[in-house]
N, C-alpha and C. Protein backbone atom coordinates (compact mmCIF):
# COMPACT_ATOMS: atom_id res chain seq x y z
N MET A 1 -105.77 -8.42 32.84
CA MET A 1 -104.53 -9.22 32.90
C MET A 1 -104.14 -9.63 31.48
N PRO A 2 -102.88 -9.40 31.09
CA PRO A 2 -102.48 -9.76 29.73
C PRO A 2 -102.49 -11.25 29.53
N HIS A 3 -102.83 -11.66 28.31
CA HIS A 3 -102.85 -13.09 27.97
C HIS A 3 -101.43 -13.61 27.83
N THR A 4 -101.14 -14.71 28.47
CA THR A 4 -99.80 -15.31 28.42
C THR A 4 -99.85 -16.64 27.72
N THR A 5 -99.00 -16.84 26.72
CA THR A 5 -98.91 -18.10 26.00
C THR A 5 -97.76 -18.92 26.55
N ILE A 6 -98.05 -20.12 26.97
CA ILE A 6 -97.03 -21.00 27.53
C ILE A 6 -96.67 -22.05 26.50
N GLU A 7 -95.43 -22.05 26.08
CA GLU A 7 -94.97 -23.04 25.10
C GLU A 7 -94.86 -24.41 25.76
N LYS A 8 -95.40 -25.43 25.13
CA LYS A 8 -95.28 -26.78 25.66
C LYS A 8 -93.82 -27.23 25.62
N SER A 9 -93.42 -28.00 26.61
CA SER A 9 -92.05 -28.53 26.64
C SER A 9 -91.97 -29.87 25.92
N PHE A 10 -93.10 -30.32 25.36
CA PHE A 10 -93.13 -31.59 24.65
C PHE A 10 -94.11 -31.49 23.50
N CYS A 11 -94.08 -32.48 22.62
CA CYS A 11 -95.04 -32.52 21.52
C CYS A 11 -95.33 -33.98 21.18
N THR A 12 -96.39 -34.20 20.45
CA THR A 12 -96.71 -35.55 20.00
C THR A 12 -95.79 -35.94 18.85
N THR A 13 -95.78 -37.22 18.50
CA THR A 13 -94.95 -37.65 17.38
C THR A 13 -95.42 -37.00 16.08
N ARG A 14 -96.72 -36.79 15.93
CA ARG A 14 -97.24 -36.13 14.72
C ARG A 14 -96.79 -34.68 14.67
N GLU A 15 -96.85 -33.98 15.81
CA GLU A 15 -96.40 -32.60 15.85
C GLU A 15 -94.91 -32.50 15.55
N ALA A 16 -94.13 -33.45 16.10
CA ALA A 16 -92.69 -33.47 15.84
C ALA A 16 -92.42 -33.71 14.36
N ALA A 17 -93.20 -34.61 13.75
CA ALA A 17 -93.03 -34.91 12.32
C ALA A 17 -93.30 -33.67 11.47
N ILE A 18 -94.34 -32.91 11.83
CA ILE A 18 -94.67 -31.70 11.07
C ILE A 18 -93.56 -30.66 11.23
N LEU A 19 -93.06 -30.49 12.43
CA LEU A 19 -91.99 -29.51 12.68
C LEU A 19 -90.72 -29.86 11.91
N LEU A 20 -90.39 -31.16 11.86
CA LEU A 20 -89.15 -31.60 11.23
C LEU A 20 -89.31 -31.86 9.73
N GLY A 21 -90.55 -31.95 9.27
CA GLY A 21 -90.77 -32.20 7.85
C GLY A 21 -90.51 -33.64 7.45
N VAL A 22 -90.74 -34.58 8.37
CA VAL A 22 -90.54 -35.99 8.08
C VAL A 22 -91.81 -36.76 8.43
N SER A 23 -91.81 -38.07 8.19
CA SER A 23 -93.00 -38.88 8.50
C SER A 23 -93.05 -39.22 9.98
N VAL A 24 -94.25 -39.58 10.46
CA VAL A 24 -94.42 -40.01 11.85
C VAL A 24 -93.57 -41.26 12.12
N GLY A 25 -93.53 -42.17 11.14
CA GLY A 25 -92.72 -43.37 11.30
C GLY A 25 -91.26 -43.05 11.49
N THR A 26 -90.76 -42.04 10.77
CA THR A 26 -89.36 -41.65 10.92
C THR A 26 -89.11 -41.08 12.31
N VAL A 27 -90.04 -40.27 12.82
CA VAL A 27 -89.90 -39.74 14.18
C VAL A 27 -89.84 -40.88 15.18
N GLN A 28 -90.70 -41.87 15.02
CA GLN A 28 -90.70 -43.01 15.94
C GLN A 28 -89.37 -43.76 15.90
N LEU A 29 -88.81 -43.93 14.70
CA LEU A 29 -87.51 -44.60 14.58
C LEU A 29 -86.41 -43.77 15.23
N TRP A 30 -86.48 -42.45 15.07
CA TRP A 30 -85.46 -41.59 15.67
C TRP A 30 -85.57 -41.60 17.19
N VAL A 31 -86.78 -41.74 17.72
CA VAL A 31 -86.95 -41.88 19.17
C VAL A 31 -86.33 -43.18 19.65
N GLU A 32 -86.62 -44.27 18.93
CA GLU A 32 -86.09 -45.57 19.32
C GLU A 32 -84.56 -45.61 19.26
N SER A 33 -83.98 -44.86 18.30
CA SER A 33 -82.52 -44.85 18.15
C SER A 33 -81.84 -43.87 19.10
N GLY A 34 -82.63 -43.04 19.80
CA GLY A 34 -82.05 -42.08 20.73
C GLY A 34 -81.76 -40.72 20.14
N LEU A 35 -82.04 -40.53 18.86
CA LEU A 35 -81.80 -39.24 18.24
C LEU A 35 -82.74 -38.18 18.81
N LEU A 36 -83.97 -38.56 19.10
CA LEU A 36 -84.93 -37.69 19.76
C LEU A 36 -85.25 -38.25 21.15
N GLN A 37 -85.39 -37.37 22.11
CA GLN A 37 -85.71 -37.79 23.48
C GLN A 37 -87.22 -37.77 23.69
N ALA A 38 -87.74 -38.85 24.27
CA ALA A 38 -89.18 -38.95 24.44
C ALA A 38 -89.50 -39.88 25.61
N TRP A 39 -90.77 -39.89 26.00
CA TRP A 39 -91.25 -40.83 27.00
C TRP A 39 -92.67 -41.24 26.61
N LYS A 40 -93.19 -42.25 27.30
CA LYS A 40 -94.55 -42.71 27.02
C LYS A 40 -95.48 -42.34 28.16
N THR A 41 -96.68 -41.92 27.80
CA THR A 41 -97.70 -41.60 28.80
C THR A 41 -98.26 -42.91 29.35
N ALA A 42 -99.10 -42.78 30.38
CA ALA A 42 -99.73 -43.96 30.96
C ALA A 42 -100.58 -44.68 29.93
N GLY A 43 -101.07 -43.95 28.94
CA GLY A 43 -101.89 -44.56 27.90
C GLY A 43 -101.08 -45.13 26.75
N GLY A 44 -99.73 -45.06 26.85
CA GLY A 44 -98.88 -45.63 25.82
C GLY A 44 -98.55 -44.71 24.66
N HIS A 45 -98.88 -43.41 24.78
CA HIS A 45 -98.60 -42.45 23.71
C HIS A 45 -97.24 -41.80 23.94
N ARG A 46 -96.48 -41.64 22.86
CA ARG A 46 -95.17 -41.00 22.97
C ARG A 46 -95.32 -39.48 23.05
N ARG A 47 -94.48 -38.89 23.90
CA ARG A 47 -94.34 -37.45 23.97
C ARG A 47 -92.87 -37.12 23.77
N VAL A 48 -92.59 -36.27 22.79
CA VAL A 48 -91.22 -35.97 22.40
C VAL A 48 -90.81 -34.63 23.02
N LEU A 49 -89.65 -34.59 23.65
CA LEU A 49 -89.16 -33.36 24.24
C LEU A 49 -88.95 -32.30 23.15
N ARG A 50 -89.55 -31.14 23.34
CA ARG A 50 -89.45 -30.08 22.34
C ARG A 50 -87.99 -29.63 22.17
N ASP A 51 -87.22 -29.66 23.26
CA ASP A 51 -85.82 -29.25 23.16
C ASP A 51 -85.05 -30.13 22.19
N SER A 52 -85.35 -31.44 22.17
CA SER A 52 -84.63 -32.32 21.25
C SER A 52 -85.04 -32.07 19.80
N VAL A 53 -86.31 -31.72 19.58
CA VAL A 53 -86.77 -31.35 18.24
C VAL A 53 -86.10 -30.05 17.81
N ASP A 54 -86.12 -29.05 18.71
CA ASP A 54 -85.51 -27.76 18.38
C ASP A 54 -84.02 -27.91 18.13
N GLY A 55 -83.37 -28.86 18.82
CA GLY A 55 -81.95 -29.08 18.61
C GLY A 55 -81.66 -29.51 17.18
N LEU A 56 -82.53 -30.33 16.60
CA LEU A 56 -82.36 -30.72 15.20
C LEU A 56 -82.65 -29.56 14.26
N LEU A 57 -83.67 -28.78 14.60
CA LEU A 57 -84.04 -27.67 13.73
C LEU A 57 -82.99 -26.56 13.71
N ARG A 58 -82.21 -26.46 14.78
CA ARG A 58 -81.19 -25.42 14.84
C ARG A 58 -79.95 -25.76 14.01
N LYS A 59 -79.84 -27.02 13.58
CA LYS A 59 -78.68 -27.41 12.79
C LYS A 59 -78.69 -26.68 11.45
N LYS A 60 -77.52 -26.46 10.90
CA LYS A 60 -77.42 -25.81 9.60
C LYS A 60 -78.09 -26.67 8.54
N PRO A 61 -78.77 -26.08 7.58
CA PRO A 61 -79.41 -26.86 6.53
C PRO A 61 -78.37 -27.53 5.62
N ALA A 62 -78.78 -28.62 5.03
CA ALA A 62 -77.90 -29.31 4.09
C ALA A 62 -77.63 -28.42 2.89
N VAL A 63 -76.43 -28.51 2.36
CA VAL A 63 -76.04 -27.70 1.21
C VAL A 63 -76.05 -28.57 -0.03
N PRO A 64 -76.99 -28.37 -0.96
CA PRO A 64 -77.03 -29.18 -2.17
C PRO A 64 -75.92 -28.80 -3.13
N VAL A 65 -75.51 -29.72 -3.93
CA VAL A 65 -74.47 -29.48 -4.92
C VAL A 65 -75.13 -29.45 -6.29
N GLN A 66 -74.59 -28.64 -7.19
CA GLN A 66 -75.14 -28.60 -8.54
C GLN A 66 -75.10 -29.99 -9.16
N PRO A 67 -76.14 -30.40 -9.84
CA PRO A 67 -76.15 -31.74 -10.44
C PRO A 67 -75.09 -31.89 -11.51
N ALA A 68 -74.76 -33.14 -11.79
CA ALA A 68 -73.79 -33.42 -12.84
C ALA A 68 -74.31 -32.95 -14.18
N PRO A 69 -73.44 -32.74 -15.16
CA PRO A 69 -73.89 -32.33 -16.49
C PRO A 69 -74.90 -33.32 -17.05
N PRO A 70 -75.87 -32.85 -17.81
CA PRO A 70 -76.90 -33.74 -18.35
C PRO A 70 -76.31 -34.89 -19.16
N VAL A 71 -76.90 -36.05 -18.99
CA VAL A 71 -76.50 -37.23 -19.74
C VAL A 71 -77.72 -37.72 -20.49
N VAL A 72 -77.54 -38.15 -21.71
CA VAL A 72 -78.67 -38.61 -22.51
C VAL A 72 -79.23 -39.89 -21.89
N THR A 73 -80.50 -39.85 -21.52
CA THR A 73 -81.17 -40.99 -20.91
C THR A 73 -82.54 -41.14 -21.54
N PRO A 74 -83.19 -42.30 -21.39
CA PRO A 74 -84.54 -42.46 -21.92
C PRO A 74 -85.47 -41.39 -21.37
N SER A 75 -86.44 -40.98 -22.15
CA SER A 75 -87.32 -39.88 -21.76
C SER A 75 -88.09 -40.16 -20.49
N ASN A 76 -88.35 -41.43 -20.16
CA ASN A 76 -89.12 -41.75 -18.98
C ASN A 76 -88.24 -42.02 -17.76
N ALA A 77 -86.93 -41.87 -17.91
CA ALA A 77 -86.03 -42.14 -16.79
C ALA A 77 -85.82 -40.87 -15.98
N ARG A 78 -85.61 -41.02 -14.68
CA ARG A 78 -85.30 -39.85 -13.86
C ARG A 78 -83.85 -39.93 -13.40
N ARG A 79 -83.34 -38.81 -12.93
CA ARG A 79 -81.96 -38.75 -12.49
C ARG A 79 -81.80 -39.51 -11.17
N MET A 80 -80.66 -40.15 -11.02
CA MET A 80 -80.39 -40.90 -9.80
C MET A 80 -79.95 -39.94 -8.69
N ARG A 81 -80.58 -40.05 -7.54
CA ARG A 81 -80.25 -39.20 -6.41
C ARG A 81 -79.10 -39.82 -5.61
N VAL A 82 -78.01 -39.08 -5.45
CA VAL A 82 -76.85 -39.54 -4.72
C VAL A 82 -76.62 -38.60 -3.54
N LEU A 83 -76.44 -39.16 -2.36
CA LEU A 83 -76.14 -38.37 -1.16
C LEU A 83 -74.81 -38.83 -0.58
N VAL A 84 -73.90 -37.88 -0.34
CA VAL A 84 -72.60 -38.18 0.26
C VAL A 84 -72.54 -37.50 1.62
N VAL A 85 -72.18 -38.27 2.66
CA VAL A 85 -72.05 -37.74 4.02
C VAL A 85 -70.58 -37.91 4.44
N GLU A 86 -69.89 -36.79 4.58
CA GLU A 86 -68.45 -36.81 4.87
C GLU A 86 -68.08 -35.49 5.54
N ASP A 87 -67.37 -35.55 6.66
CA ASP A 87 -67.07 -34.30 7.39
C ASP A 87 -65.84 -33.57 6.87
N ASP A 88 -65.06 -34.18 5.99
CA ASP A 88 -63.85 -33.55 5.46
C ASP A 88 -64.22 -32.75 4.21
N PRO A 89 -64.12 -31.41 4.25
CA PRO A 89 -64.52 -30.59 3.09
C PRO A 89 -63.74 -30.92 1.81
N SER A 90 -62.47 -31.26 1.95
CA SER A 90 -61.68 -31.58 0.75
C SER A 90 -62.17 -32.86 0.09
N LEU A 91 -62.60 -33.83 0.91
CA LEU A 91 -63.13 -35.08 0.34
C LEU A 91 -64.50 -34.84 -0.29
N LEU A 92 -65.30 -33.95 0.29
CA LEU A 92 -66.58 -33.62 -0.33
C LEU A 92 -66.37 -33.02 -1.72
N ARG A 93 -65.38 -32.14 -1.83
CA ARG A 93 -65.10 -31.54 -3.15
C ARG A 93 -64.63 -32.62 -4.13
N LEU A 94 -63.83 -33.56 -3.62
CA LEU A 94 -63.35 -34.65 -4.46
C LEU A 94 -64.52 -35.51 -4.94
N TYR A 95 -65.43 -35.84 -4.03
CA TYR A 95 -66.62 -36.60 -4.42
C TYR A 95 -67.40 -35.86 -5.51
N SER A 96 -67.60 -34.56 -5.31
CA SER A 96 -68.37 -33.78 -6.27
C SER A 96 -67.74 -33.82 -7.65
N ALA A 97 -66.42 -33.62 -7.69
CA ALA A 97 -65.71 -33.59 -8.98
C ALA A 97 -65.75 -34.95 -9.67
N GLN A 98 -65.55 -36.03 -8.90
CA GLN A 98 -65.50 -37.36 -9.50
C GLN A 98 -66.88 -37.84 -9.95
N ILE A 99 -67.90 -37.61 -9.13
CA ILE A 99 -69.24 -38.06 -9.50
C ILE A 99 -69.75 -37.31 -10.72
N ALA A 100 -69.35 -36.04 -10.86
CA ALA A 100 -69.75 -35.26 -12.03
C ALA A 100 -69.23 -35.88 -13.32
N ARG A 101 -68.20 -36.70 -13.24
CA ARG A 101 -67.62 -37.34 -14.43
C ARG A 101 -68.27 -38.68 -14.74
N TRP A 102 -69.14 -39.16 -13.86
CA TRP A 102 -69.77 -40.45 -14.11
C TRP A 102 -70.67 -40.37 -15.35
N PRO A 103 -70.74 -41.45 -16.11
CA PRO A 103 -71.63 -41.48 -17.29
C PRO A 103 -73.07 -41.81 -16.89
N LEU A 104 -73.56 -41.12 -15.85
CA LEU A 104 -74.91 -41.33 -15.34
C LEU A 104 -75.55 -39.98 -15.10
N ALA A 105 -76.86 -39.93 -15.22
CA ALA A 105 -77.59 -38.71 -14.89
C ALA A 105 -77.85 -38.71 -13.38
N THR A 106 -77.18 -37.82 -12.65
CA THR A 106 -77.27 -37.82 -11.20
C THR A 106 -77.61 -36.44 -10.65
N ASP A 107 -78.30 -36.45 -9.52
CA ASP A 107 -78.47 -35.26 -8.69
C ASP A 107 -77.72 -35.55 -7.39
N VAL A 108 -76.71 -34.75 -7.08
CA VAL A 108 -75.83 -35.03 -5.95
C VAL A 108 -76.03 -34.01 -4.84
N SER A 109 -76.13 -34.49 -3.60
CA SER A 109 -76.14 -33.63 -2.42
C SER A 109 -74.96 -34.02 -1.55
N LEU A 110 -74.24 -33.04 -1.03
CA LEU A 110 -73.12 -33.27 -0.13
C LEU A 110 -73.46 -32.70 1.24
N ILE A 111 -73.30 -33.50 2.27
CA ILE A 111 -73.64 -33.08 3.63
C ILE A 111 -72.47 -33.43 4.54
N ASP A 112 -72.13 -32.50 5.45
CA ASP A 112 -70.92 -32.70 6.25
C ASP A 112 -71.15 -33.22 7.66
N ASN A 113 -72.39 -33.64 7.99
CA ASN A 113 -72.62 -34.22 9.32
C ASN A 113 -73.85 -35.12 9.31
N ALA A 114 -73.89 -36.04 10.27
CA ALA A 114 -74.93 -37.07 10.29
C ALA A 114 -76.31 -36.51 10.62
N ILE A 115 -76.39 -35.50 11.48
CA ILE A 115 -77.68 -34.94 11.85
C ILE A 115 -78.39 -34.36 10.64
N ASN A 116 -77.67 -33.52 9.89
CA ASN A 116 -78.27 -32.94 8.68
C ASN A 116 -78.62 -34.02 7.67
N ALA A 117 -77.80 -35.07 7.62
CA ALA A 117 -78.09 -36.17 6.69
C ALA A 117 -79.39 -36.86 7.07
N LEU A 118 -79.62 -37.08 8.36
CA LEU A 118 -80.87 -37.72 8.80
C LEU A 118 -82.07 -36.86 8.44
N LEU A 119 -81.96 -35.56 8.65
CA LEU A 119 -83.06 -34.67 8.30
C LEU A 119 -83.31 -34.69 6.80
N HIS A 120 -82.24 -34.68 6.02
CA HIS A 120 -82.36 -34.73 4.56
C HIS A 120 -83.05 -36.01 4.12
N MET A 121 -82.62 -37.15 4.67
CA MET A 121 -83.17 -38.43 4.25
C MET A 121 -84.57 -38.67 4.81
N GLY A 122 -84.89 -38.02 5.94
CA GLY A 122 -86.23 -38.15 6.48
C GLY A 122 -87.29 -37.58 5.57
N ARG A 123 -86.86 -36.73 4.62
CA ARG A 123 -87.80 -36.14 3.66
C ARG A 123 -87.85 -36.92 2.36
N GLY A 124 -87.09 -38.01 2.31
CA GLY A 124 -87.07 -38.86 1.12
C GLY A 124 -85.70 -39.43 0.89
N GLY A 125 -85.61 -40.75 0.85
CA GLY A 125 -84.32 -41.40 0.72
C GLY A 125 -83.70 -41.24 -0.65
N PRO A 126 -82.36 -41.14 -0.71
CA PRO A 126 -81.68 -41.11 -2.02
C PRO A 126 -81.65 -42.51 -2.62
N ASP A 127 -81.22 -42.61 -3.86
CA ASP A 127 -81.04 -43.92 -4.49
C ASP A 127 -79.71 -44.55 -4.05
N LEU A 128 -78.72 -43.69 -3.80
CA LEU A 128 -77.40 -44.15 -3.36
C LEU A 128 -76.91 -43.25 -2.25
N LEU A 129 -76.60 -43.84 -1.10
CA LEU A 129 -76.02 -43.13 0.04
C LEU A 129 -74.59 -43.59 0.23
N ILE A 130 -73.65 -42.64 0.23
CA ILE A 130 -72.24 -42.92 0.49
C ILE A 130 -71.87 -42.17 1.76
N SER A 131 -71.40 -42.88 2.78
CA SER A 131 -71.14 -42.22 4.06
C SER A 131 -69.82 -42.63 4.68
N ASP A 132 -69.21 -41.69 5.38
CA ASP A 132 -68.08 -41.97 6.26
C ASP A 132 -68.64 -42.54 7.56
N LEU A 133 -67.77 -43.11 8.39
CA LEU A 133 -68.19 -43.62 9.70
C LEU A 133 -67.70 -42.74 10.83
N HIS A 134 -66.45 -42.29 10.74
CA HIS A 134 -65.85 -41.52 11.82
C HIS A 134 -66.11 -40.04 11.58
N MET A 135 -67.12 -39.49 12.31
CA MET A 135 -67.49 -38.08 12.18
C MET A 135 -67.76 -37.51 13.56
N PRO A 136 -67.52 -36.21 13.77
CA PRO A 136 -67.80 -35.59 15.08
C PRO A 136 -69.29 -35.56 15.36
N GLY A 137 -69.64 -35.47 16.65
CA GLY A 137 -71.05 -35.49 17.03
C GLY A 137 -71.62 -36.88 16.80
N MET A 138 -72.73 -36.97 16.12
CA MET A 138 -73.27 -38.28 15.76
C MET A 138 -72.39 -38.89 14.67
N ASP A 139 -71.91 -40.11 14.90
CA ASP A 139 -71.05 -40.73 13.88
C ASP A 139 -71.88 -41.53 12.88
N GLY A 140 -71.17 -42.08 11.89
CA GLY A 140 -71.87 -42.83 10.85
C GLY A 140 -72.51 -44.10 11.36
N PHE A 141 -71.94 -44.71 12.39
CA PHE A 141 -72.53 -45.91 12.97
C PHE A 141 -73.94 -45.61 13.48
N SER A 142 -74.06 -44.56 14.29
CA SER A 142 -75.36 -44.19 14.86
C SER A 142 -76.34 -43.79 13.77
N MET A 143 -75.86 -43.06 12.77
CA MET A 143 -76.73 -42.63 11.69
C MET A 143 -77.31 -43.82 10.94
N LEU A 144 -76.45 -44.79 10.60
CA LEU A 144 -76.92 -45.94 9.84
C LEU A 144 -77.88 -46.79 10.65
N ARG A 145 -77.66 -46.90 11.96
CA ARG A 145 -78.60 -47.65 12.80
C ARG A 145 -79.94 -46.95 12.86
N ALA A 146 -79.92 -45.62 12.91
CA ALA A 146 -81.19 -44.87 12.92
C ALA A 146 -81.94 -45.03 11.61
N LEU A 147 -81.20 -45.22 10.52
CA LEU A 147 -81.81 -45.32 9.20
C LEU A 147 -82.24 -46.74 8.83
N HIS A 148 -81.74 -47.72 9.56
CA HIS A 148 -81.84 -49.10 9.11
C HIS A 148 -83.26 -49.52 8.78
N ARG A 149 -84.25 -49.13 9.61
CA ARG A 149 -85.63 -49.55 9.38
C ARG A 149 -86.51 -48.41 8.87
N ALA A 150 -85.90 -47.29 8.49
CA ALA A 150 -86.69 -46.15 8.02
C ALA A 150 -87.35 -46.48 6.68
N PRO A 151 -88.65 -46.26 6.56
CA PRO A 151 -89.34 -46.60 5.30
C PRO A 151 -88.81 -45.82 4.11
N GLU A 152 -88.28 -44.59 4.37
CA GLU A 152 -87.77 -43.78 3.26
C GLU A 152 -86.53 -44.40 2.62
N MET A 153 -85.89 -45.34 3.33
CA MET A 153 -84.64 -45.91 2.85
C MET A 153 -84.83 -47.29 2.22
N ALA A 154 -86.06 -47.67 1.98
CA ALA A 154 -86.34 -49.03 1.50
C ALA A 154 -85.66 -49.35 0.17
N TYR A 155 -85.49 -48.34 -0.68
CA TYR A 155 -84.90 -48.57 -2.01
C TYR A 155 -83.49 -48.01 -2.14
N THR A 156 -82.90 -47.62 -1.02
CA THR A 156 -81.59 -46.97 -1.05
C THR A 156 -80.45 -47.98 -0.93
N LYS A 157 -79.48 -47.88 -1.81
CA LYS A 157 -78.24 -48.63 -1.70
C LYS A 157 -77.29 -47.83 -0.81
N VAL A 158 -76.79 -48.46 0.26
CA VAL A 158 -75.94 -47.77 1.23
C VAL A 158 -74.52 -48.32 1.16
N VAL A 159 -73.56 -47.40 1.04
CA VAL A 159 -72.14 -47.76 0.98
C VAL A 159 -71.38 -46.92 2.00
N VAL A 160 -70.49 -47.57 2.74
CA VAL A 160 -69.62 -46.88 3.68
C VAL A 160 -68.22 -46.82 3.09
N VAL A 161 -67.60 -45.63 3.16
CA VAL A 161 -66.20 -45.47 2.76
C VAL A 161 -65.47 -44.94 3.99
N THR A 162 -64.58 -45.72 4.56
CA THR A 162 -64.01 -45.39 5.86
C THR A 162 -62.51 -45.64 5.94
N GLY A 163 -61.86 -44.90 6.83
CA GLY A 163 -60.46 -45.13 7.12
C GLY A 163 -60.26 -46.14 8.23
N LEU A 164 -61.36 -46.58 8.86
CA LEU A 164 -61.28 -47.59 9.91
C LEU A 164 -61.04 -48.97 9.30
N ASP A 165 -60.26 -49.80 9.99
CA ASP A 165 -60.07 -51.16 9.47
C ASP A 165 -61.22 -52.05 9.92
N ALA A 166 -61.23 -53.27 9.42
CA ALA A 166 -62.36 -54.18 9.67
C ALA A 166 -62.55 -54.45 11.16
N ASN A 167 -61.45 -54.59 11.91
CA ASN A 167 -61.55 -54.85 13.35
C ASN A 167 -62.15 -53.67 14.09
N ASP A 168 -61.76 -52.44 13.68
CA ASP A 168 -62.33 -51.25 14.31
C ASP A 168 -63.84 -51.17 14.05
N VAL A 169 -64.24 -51.45 12.83
CA VAL A 169 -65.66 -51.42 12.49
C VAL A 169 -66.43 -52.45 13.31
N LYS A 170 -65.87 -53.65 13.42
CA LYS A 170 -66.53 -54.72 14.18
C LYS A 170 -66.61 -54.37 15.65
N SER A 171 -65.54 -53.80 16.22
CA SER A 171 -65.51 -53.49 17.64
C SER A 171 -66.52 -52.41 18.02
N ARG A 172 -66.94 -51.62 17.05
CA ARG A 172 -67.91 -50.55 17.32
C ARG A 172 -69.32 -50.94 16.92
N GLY A 173 -69.53 -52.24 16.78
CA GLY A 173 -70.87 -52.75 16.54
C GLY A 173 -71.21 -53.05 15.10
N GLY A 174 -70.27 -52.77 14.18
CA GLY A 174 -70.50 -53.06 12.78
C GLY A 174 -71.54 -52.15 12.15
N VAL A 175 -71.94 -52.51 10.95
CA VAL A 175 -72.95 -51.74 10.21
C VAL A 175 -74.14 -52.64 9.92
N PRO A 176 -75.29 -52.06 9.61
CA PRO A 176 -76.49 -52.88 9.34
C PRO A 176 -76.29 -53.82 8.15
N PRO A 177 -77.07 -54.89 8.10
CA PRO A 177 -76.98 -55.83 6.97
C PRO A 177 -77.22 -55.12 5.64
N GLY A 178 -76.49 -55.56 4.62
CA GLY A 178 -76.67 -55.01 3.29
C GLY A 178 -75.83 -53.80 2.98
N VAL A 179 -75.14 -53.25 4.00
CA VAL A 179 -74.29 -52.08 3.79
C VAL A 179 -72.90 -52.55 3.36
N GLU A 180 -72.43 -52.08 2.22
CA GLU A 180 -71.09 -52.45 1.74
C GLU A 180 -70.07 -51.51 2.34
N VAL A 181 -68.97 -52.06 2.86
CA VAL A 181 -67.92 -51.26 3.49
C VAL A 181 -66.69 -51.25 2.60
N LEU A 182 -66.26 -50.04 2.21
CA LEU A 182 -65.08 -49.87 1.37
C LEU A 182 -64.03 -49.06 2.14
N ALA A 183 -62.75 -49.32 1.85
CA ALA A 183 -61.67 -48.66 2.56
C ALA A 183 -61.20 -47.41 1.81
N LYS A 184 -60.82 -46.39 2.58
CA LYS A 184 -60.17 -45.23 2.00
C LYS A 184 -58.73 -45.61 1.64
N PRO A 185 -58.10 -44.96 0.63
CA PRO A 185 -58.62 -43.85 -0.18
C PRO A 185 -59.84 -44.25 -1.00
N ILE A 186 -60.67 -43.27 -1.30
CA ILE A 186 -61.97 -43.51 -1.91
C ILE A 186 -61.83 -44.30 -3.21
N PRO A 187 -62.43 -45.49 -3.28
CA PRO A 187 -62.34 -46.33 -4.49
C PRO A 187 -63.42 -45.93 -5.51
N PHE A 188 -63.16 -44.90 -6.28
CA PHE A 188 -64.19 -44.36 -7.16
C PHE A 188 -64.62 -45.34 -8.25
N ALA A 189 -63.70 -46.20 -8.69
CA ALA A 189 -64.09 -47.17 -9.71
C ALA A 189 -65.16 -48.12 -9.16
N ARG A 190 -64.98 -48.56 -7.92
CA ARG A 190 -65.97 -49.44 -7.30
C ARG A 190 -67.27 -48.69 -7.06
N LEU A 191 -67.20 -47.44 -6.63
CA LEU A 191 -68.41 -46.65 -6.41
C LEU A 191 -69.19 -46.46 -7.71
N LEU A 192 -68.48 -46.25 -8.81
CA LEU A 192 -69.16 -46.12 -10.09
C LEU A 192 -69.88 -47.41 -10.45
N SER A 193 -69.24 -48.56 -10.22
CA SER A 193 -69.87 -49.84 -10.51
C SER A 193 -71.14 -50.02 -9.67
N ILE A 194 -71.06 -49.63 -8.39
CA ILE A 194 -72.23 -49.73 -7.51
C ILE A 194 -73.33 -48.79 -8.00
N ALA A 195 -72.94 -47.58 -8.41
CA ALA A 195 -73.92 -46.60 -8.90
C ALA A 195 -74.60 -47.09 -10.17
N GLN A 196 -73.84 -47.73 -11.04
CA GLN A 196 -74.43 -48.26 -12.28
C GLN A 196 -75.43 -49.37 -11.98
N ASP A 197 -75.11 -50.23 -11.02
CA ASP A 197 -76.06 -51.27 -10.60
C ASP A 197 -77.33 -50.64 -10.03
N ALA A 198 -77.13 -49.60 -9.19
CA ALA A 198 -78.28 -48.92 -8.59
C ALA A 198 -79.12 -48.23 -9.66
N SER A 199 -78.46 -47.67 -10.66
CA SER A 199 -79.17 -47.01 -11.75
C SER A 199 -80.00 -48.01 -12.54
N HIS A 200 -79.45 -49.21 -12.74
CA HIS A 200 -80.19 -50.25 -13.46
C HIS A 200 -81.42 -50.67 -12.66
N ARG A 201 -81.28 -50.84 -11.35
CA ARG A 201 -82.43 -51.19 -10.51
C ARG A 201 -83.47 -50.08 -10.54
N LEU A 202 -82.99 -48.84 -10.54
CA LEU A 202 -83.90 -47.70 -10.58
C LEU A 202 -84.73 -47.71 -11.85
N ALA A 203 -84.09 -48.06 -12.95
CA ALA A 203 -84.81 -48.10 -14.23
C ALA A 203 -85.89 -49.17 -14.24
N GLN A 204 -85.69 -50.23 -13.45
CA GLN A 204 -86.67 -51.32 -13.40
C GLN A 204 -87.74 -51.09 -12.33
N ALA A 205 -87.51 -50.11 -11.42
CA ALA A 205 -88.42 -49.90 -10.30
C ALA A 205 -89.66 -49.17 -10.75
N PRO A 206 -90.78 -49.28 -9.99
CA PRO A 206 -91.99 -48.52 -10.31
C PRO A 206 -91.68 -47.03 -10.33
N GLN A 207 -92.31 -46.27 -11.21
CA GLN A 207 -92.05 -44.85 -11.35
C GLN A 207 -92.48 -44.06 -10.13
N SER A 208 -93.31 -44.63 -9.25
CA SER A 208 -93.75 -43.91 -8.06
C SER A 208 -92.64 -43.73 -7.07
N HIS A 209 -91.56 -44.60 -7.17
CA HIS A 209 -90.45 -44.46 -6.25
C HIS A 209 -89.69 -43.18 -6.54
């Protein structure tokens, strides 16, 4: 009789973390936020539905953008990581062009949906996250709630740039504490000021970050 391999329909949180390339803590947070579907055994152990893990893995990978031109910085300083999440391709191009002109040493990634952004950040939080709120599929509200307690985001400055007015944002549950909300059209002067503050904090932070 030929040997038959039966694929499990579920996996442990550690197995899910290995498959997704993120920490176990991040998987647990994604389960709590509803991004991953799971249940608990009688012994209190989480089992994650393999279909929900595979659903994330099937998403298109994030597309990195070429970093900004080199800027003279102290030899022990590293480039500031900036992540922009926006579903409008023309606005992503605008972000890329404007950030490239900043007088800061930056590595910029542009991502057009919240799922890919979560996977990207699950492997290590950026120094500055700029996100839209109104996006197809998972919106920015859900993404920010999933990220709120993620350990990878402990040192990340989060900014929302949205076309929604204050009442719309409030009616949809608002954003987590500490997130600055800016109105479209994109206020690049304010974003540069925020980035400069983040860069200063980065310079003062332990090098292990």
